[in-house]
């Protein structure tokens, strides 16, 4: 793990989960790890398992188009990068 192996370089990690369902796996894995911030942008109508709490969850209305999706991403992602200032970012898109 980057936090363990490179503590002098990697102090903060941001996980950006942009696939259609809520990032419940990442939320559970890192819920007690203050050095990792989780962000999930997901469809409000697509929950195949129990919803978990990410550090930031943003729901996209069912049927939203590209413009609405990109507007939500633009609204939330730049301020999140500014607040977290991650040394490493993971993007989950599938």
N, C-alpha and C. Protein backbone atom coordinates (compact mmCIF):
# COMPACT_ATOMS: atom_id res chain seq x y z
N UNK A 1 0.85 -1.17 0.00
CA UNK A 1 0.00 0.00 0.00
C UNK A 1 0.89 1.24 0.00
N UNK A 2 0.52 2.20 -0.79
CA UNK A 2 1.32 3.42 -0.95
C UNK A 2 1.51 4.16 0.38
N UNK A 3 0.48 4.22 1.19
CA UNK A 3 0.59 4.92 2.47
C UNK A 3 1.60 4.23 3.39
N UNK A 4 1.67 2.93 3.33
CA UNK A 4 2.60 2.17 4.16
C UNK A 4 4.02 2.22 3.61
N UNK A 5 4.15 2.04 2.30
CA UNK A 5 5.48 1.91 1.69
C UNK A 5 6.17 3.24 1.41
N UNK A 6 5.41 4.31 1.27
CA UNK A 6 5.99 5.62 0.93
C UNK A 6 5.45 6.72 1.84
N UNK A 7 5.56 6.58 3.15
CA UNK A 7 4.94 7.55 4.06
C UNK A 7 5.51 8.96 3.96
N UNK A 8 6.73 9.10 3.49
CA UNK A 8 7.31 10.44 3.37
C UNK A 8 6.79 11.17 2.13
N UNK A 9 6.27 10.42 1.18
CA UNK A 9 5.82 11.00 -0.09
C UNK A 9 4.29 11.00 -0.20
N UNK A 10 3.66 9.92 0.22
CA UNK A 10 2.21 9.76 0.11
C UNK A 10 1.59 9.94 1.49
N UNK A 11 1.02 11.10 1.72
CA UNK A 11 0.38 11.39 3.01
C UNK A 11 -1.13 11.42 2.92
N UNK A 12 -1.65 11.77 1.74
CA UNK A 12 -3.09 11.86 1.55
C UNK A 12 -3.45 11.24 0.20
N UNK A 13 -4.50 10.42 0.22
CA UNK A 13 -4.96 9.74 -0.98
C UNK A 13 -6.42 10.11 -1.21
N UNK A 14 -6.76 10.32 -2.47
CA UNK A 14 -8.14 10.59 -2.87
C UNK A 14 -8.58 9.47 -3.80
N UNK A 15 -9.73 8.85 -3.49
CA UNK A 15 -10.34 7.84 -4.35
C UNK A 15 -11.57 8.48 -4.98
N UNK A 16 -11.56 8.59 -6.31
CA UNK A 16 -12.67 9.19 -7.05
C UNK A 16 -13.36 8.05 -7.79
N UNK A 17 -14.57 7.72 -7.35
CA UNK A 17 -15.32 6.59 -7.90
C UNK A 17 -16.45 7.14 -8.77
N UNK A 18 -16.31 6.96 -10.09
CA UNK A 18 -17.25 7.58 -11.03
C UNK A 18 -18.09 6.56 -11.79
N UNK A 19 -18.15 5.32 -11.33
CA UNK A 19 -19.02 4.40 -12.05
C UNK A 19 -20.46 4.55 -11.58
N UNK A 20 -21.36 3.82 -12.18
CA UNK A 20 -22.79 4.08 -12.03
C UNK A 20 -23.34 3.78 -10.64
N UNK A 21 -22.71 2.85 -9.91
CA UNK A 21 -23.22 2.54 -8.57
C UNK A 21 -22.39 3.21 -7.48
N UNK A 22 -22.99 3.34 -6.33
CA UNK A 22 -22.33 3.99 -5.21
C UNK A 22 -21.07 3.23 -4.82
N UNK A 23 -20.02 3.96 -4.49
CA UNK A 23 -18.73 3.36 -4.17
C UNK A 23 -18.68 2.76 -2.79
N UNK A 24 -19.56 1.80 -2.54
CA UNK A 24 -19.68 1.24 -1.20
C UNK A 24 -18.44 0.45 -0.78
N UNK A 25 -17.77 -0.22 -1.71
CA UNK A 25 -16.57 -0.97 -1.36
C UNK A 25 -15.46 -0.08 -0.85
N UNK A 26 -15.19 0.98 -1.58
CA UNK A 26 -14.15 1.93 -1.16
C UNK A 26 -14.54 2.60 0.15
N UNK A 27 -15.82 2.93 0.29
CA UNK A 27 -16.28 3.58 1.52
C UNK A 27 -16.03 2.69 2.73
N UNK A 28 -16.31 1.40 2.60
CA UNK A 28 -16.11 0.47 3.71
C UNK A 28 -14.62 0.26 3.97
N UNK A 29 -13.85 0.05 2.91
CA UNK A 29 -12.42 -0.23 3.06
C UNK A 29 -11.68 0.89 3.78
N UNK A 30 -12.07 2.14 3.51
CA UNK A 30 -11.31 3.27 4.03
C UNK A 30 -12.05 4.10 5.08
N UNK A 31 -13.13 3.57 5.63
CA UNK A 31 -13.94 4.36 6.57
C UNK A 31 -13.17 4.79 7.82
N UNK A 32 -12.20 3.99 8.24
CA UNK A 32 -11.42 4.32 9.44
C UNK A 32 -10.00 4.76 9.11
N UNK A 33 -9.77 5.17 7.85
CA UNK A 33 -8.43 5.61 7.43
C UNK A 33 -8.48 7.10 7.11
N UNK A 34 -8.09 7.96 8.06
CA UNK A 34 -8.22 9.40 7.85
C UNK A 34 -7.34 9.96 6.73
N UNK A 35 -6.35 9.20 6.29
CA UNK A 35 -5.49 9.68 5.21
C UNK A 35 -6.09 9.45 3.83
N UNK A 36 -7.20 8.72 3.77
CA UNK A 36 -7.87 8.43 2.49
C UNK A 36 -9.24 9.09 2.48
N UNK A 37 -9.50 9.86 1.44
CA UNK A 37 -10.80 10.49 1.23
C UNK A 37 -11.48 9.79 0.06
N UNK A 38 -12.74 9.41 0.25
CA UNK A 38 -13.48 8.73 -0.81
C UNK A 38 -14.59 9.63 -1.35
N UNK A 39 -14.72 9.65 -2.67
CA UNK A 39 -15.74 10.44 -3.36
C UNK A 39 -16.45 9.53 -4.34
N UNK A 40 -17.77 9.48 -4.26
CA UNK A 40 -18.57 8.67 -5.17
C UNK A 40 -19.61 9.54 -5.87
N UNK A 41 -19.56 9.55 -7.20
CA UNK A 41 -20.57 10.20 -8.03
C UNK A 41 -21.31 9.07 -8.73
N UNK A 42 -22.58 8.86 -8.39
CA UNK A 42 -23.28 7.66 -8.82
C UNK A 42 -24.76 7.94 -9.09
N UNK A 43 -25.39 7.02 -9.80
CA UNK A 43 -26.81 7.14 -10.11
C UNK A 43 -27.65 6.93 -8.86
N UNK A 44 -28.57 7.83 -8.61
CA UNK A 44 -29.42 7.76 -7.43
C UNK A 44 -30.34 6.53 -7.46
N UNK A 45 -30.57 5.96 -8.61
CA UNK A 45 -31.49 4.82 -8.72
C UNK A 45 -30.80 3.50 -8.93
N UNK A 46 -29.52 3.38 -8.60
CA UNK A 46 -28.78 2.15 -8.90
C UNK A 46 -28.03 1.66 -7.67
N UNK A 47 -28.76 0.98 -6.78
CA UNK A 47 -28.14 0.42 -5.58
C UNK A 47 -28.40 -1.07 -5.58
N UNK A 48 -27.36 -1.87 -5.84
CA UNK A 48 -27.52 -3.31 -5.86
C UNK A 48 -27.14 -3.94 -4.52
N UNK A 49 -26.60 -3.13 -3.63
CA UNK A 49 -26.25 -3.60 -2.30
C UNK A 49 -26.46 -2.45 -1.32
N UNK A 50 -26.23 -2.73 -0.06
CA UNK A 50 -26.46 -1.72 0.98
C UNK A 50 -25.59 -0.49 0.73
N UNK A 51 -26.20 0.66 0.79
CA UNK A 51 -25.48 1.92 0.60
C UNK A 51 -24.58 2.18 1.80
N UNK A 52 -23.37 2.59 1.51
CA UNK A 52 -22.40 2.95 2.54
C UNK A 52 -22.14 4.45 2.46
N UNK A 53 -21.40 4.96 3.41
CA UNK A 53 -21.14 6.39 3.44
C UNK A 53 -19.70 6.68 3.01
N UNK A 54 -19.57 7.33 1.86
CA UNK A 54 -18.27 7.84 1.43
C UNK A 54 -18.02 9.16 2.13
N UNK A 55 -16.82 9.70 2.01
CA UNK A 55 -16.58 11.03 2.56
C UNK A 55 -17.42 12.06 1.82
N UNK A 56 -17.64 11.82 0.52
CA UNK A 56 -18.52 12.68 -0.27
C UNK A 56 -19.28 11.79 -1.25
N UNK A 57 -20.59 11.77 -1.11
CA UNK A 57 -21.48 11.04 -2.02
C UNK A 57 -22.33 12.05 -2.78
N UNK A 58 -22.33 11.95 -4.10
CA UNK A 58 -23.16 12.82 -4.92
C UNK A 58 -24.01 11.93 -5.82
N UNK A 59 -25.31 12.09 -5.74
CA UNK A 59 -26.22 11.27 -6.53
C UNK A 59 -26.62 12.00 -7.81
N UNK A 60 -26.53 11.27 -8.91
CA UNK A 60 -26.95 11.76 -10.22
C UNK A 60 -28.36 11.24 -10.45
N UNK A 61 -29.31 12.12 -10.81
CA UNK A 61 -30.68 11.65 -11.04
C UNK A 61 -30.74 10.63 -12.17
N UNK A 62 -31.58 9.60 -12.03
CA UNK A 62 -31.75 8.65 -13.13
C UNK A 62 -32.16 9.38 -14.41
N UNK A 63 -31.59 8.99 -15.51
CA UNK A 63 -31.90 9.61 -16.79
C UNK A 63 -31.13 10.88 -17.10
N UNK A 64 -30.24 11.28 -16.19
CA UNK A 64 -29.45 12.50 -16.43
C UNK A 64 -28.56 12.30 -17.64
N UNK A 65 -28.34 13.37 -18.37
CA UNK A 65 -27.48 13.32 -19.53
C UNK A 65 -26.06 13.73 -19.21
N UNK A 66 -25.24 13.77 -20.24
CA UNK A 66 -23.83 14.12 -20.07
C UNK A 66 -23.64 15.49 -19.44
N UNK A 67 -24.42 16.47 -19.88
CA UNK A 67 -24.24 17.83 -19.36
C UNK A 67 -24.50 17.90 -17.87
N UNK A 68 -25.55 17.24 -17.41
CA UNK A 68 -25.87 17.26 -15.98
C UNK A 68 -24.80 16.51 -15.17
N UNK A 69 -24.35 15.38 -15.69
CA UNK A 69 -23.31 14.60 -15.03
C UNK A 69 -22.02 15.42 -14.91
N UNK A 70 -21.60 16.01 -16.02
CA UNK A 70 -20.37 16.79 -16.03
C UNK A 70 -20.48 18.04 -15.15
N UNK A 71 -21.66 18.63 -15.08
CA UNK A 71 -21.85 19.79 -14.21
C UNK A 71 -21.68 19.40 -12.74
N UNK A 72 -22.21 18.25 -12.35
CA UNK A 72 -22.04 17.78 -10.97
C UNK A 72 -20.57 17.48 -10.67
N UNK A 73 -19.90 16.88 -11.63
CA UNK A 73 -18.47 16.59 -11.46
C UNK A 73 -17.68 17.89 -11.32
N UNK A 74 -17.97 18.86 -12.16
CA UNK A 74 -17.28 20.16 -12.11
C UNK A 74 -17.58 20.89 -10.80
N UNK A 75 -18.77 20.74 -10.29
CA UNK A 75 -19.15 21.39 -9.04
C UNK A 75 -18.41 20.82 -7.83
N UNK A 76 -18.19 19.51 -7.83
CA UNK A 76 -17.66 18.86 -6.64
C UNK A 76 -16.18 18.48 -6.69
N UNK A 77 -15.66 18.12 -7.85
CA UNK A 77 -14.30 17.60 -7.89
C UNK A 77 -13.21 18.66 -7.65
N UNK A 78 -13.23 19.82 -8.32
CA UNK A 78 -12.17 20.81 -8.04
C UNK A 78 -12.10 21.26 -6.58
N UNK A 79 -13.24 21.54 -5.92
CA UNK A 79 -13.13 21.91 -4.50
C UNK A 79 -12.61 20.77 -3.62
N UNK A 80 -12.94 19.54 -4.02
CA UNK A 80 -12.45 18.40 -3.26
C UNK A 80 -10.93 18.28 -3.37
N UNK A 81 -10.40 18.44 -4.58
CA UNK A 81 -8.95 18.44 -4.76
C UNK A 81 -8.30 19.57 -3.95
N UNK A 82 -8.92 20.71 -3.94
CA UNK A 82 -8.38 21.85 -3.19
C UNK A 82 -8.37 21.57 -1.69
N UNK A 83 -9.43 20.96 -1.20
CA UNK A 83 -9.54 20.66 0.24
C UNK A 83 -8.59 19.54 0.65
N UNK A 84 -8.57 18.45 -0.10
CA UNK A 84 -7.79 17.27 0.28
C UNK A 84 -6.31 17.43 -0.06
N UNK A 85 -6.02 18.04 -1.18
CA UNK A 85 -4.65 18.17 -1.69
C UNK A 85 -3.93 16.82 -1.66
N UNK A 86 -4.46 15.86 -2.42
CA UNK A 86 -3.91 14.50 -2.37
C UNK A 86 -2.53 14.41 -3.00
N UNK A 87 -1.75 13.50 -2.47
CA UNK A 87 -0.46 13.16 -3.05
C UNK A 87 -0.63 12.06 -4.09
N UNK A 88 -1.75 11.34 -4.00
CA UNK A 88 -2.05 10.24 -4.93
C UNK A 88 -3.55 10.19 -5.11
N UNK A 89 -4.00 10.02 -6.36
CA UNK A 89 -5.43 9.93 -6.64
C UNK A 89 -5.69 8.68 -7.47
N UNK A 90 -6.72 7.94 -7.07
CA UNK A 90 -7.19 6.78 -7.83
C UNK A 90 -8.55 7.12 -8.43
N UNK A 91 -8.70 6.85 -9.72
CA UNK A 91 -9.98 7.03 -10.40
C UNK A 91 -10.57 5.67 -10.70
N UNK A 92 -11.77 5.43 -10.20
CA UNK A 92 -12.52 4.20 -10.45
C UNK A 92 -13.64 4.54 -11.42
N UNK A 93 -13.59 3.95 -12.61
CA UNK A 93 -14.60 4.30 -13.63
C UNK A 93 -15.36 3.08 -14.14
N UNK A 94 -15.07 1.91 -13.68
CA UNK A 94 -15.82 0.73 -14.11
C UNK A 94 -16.13 -0.14 -12.94
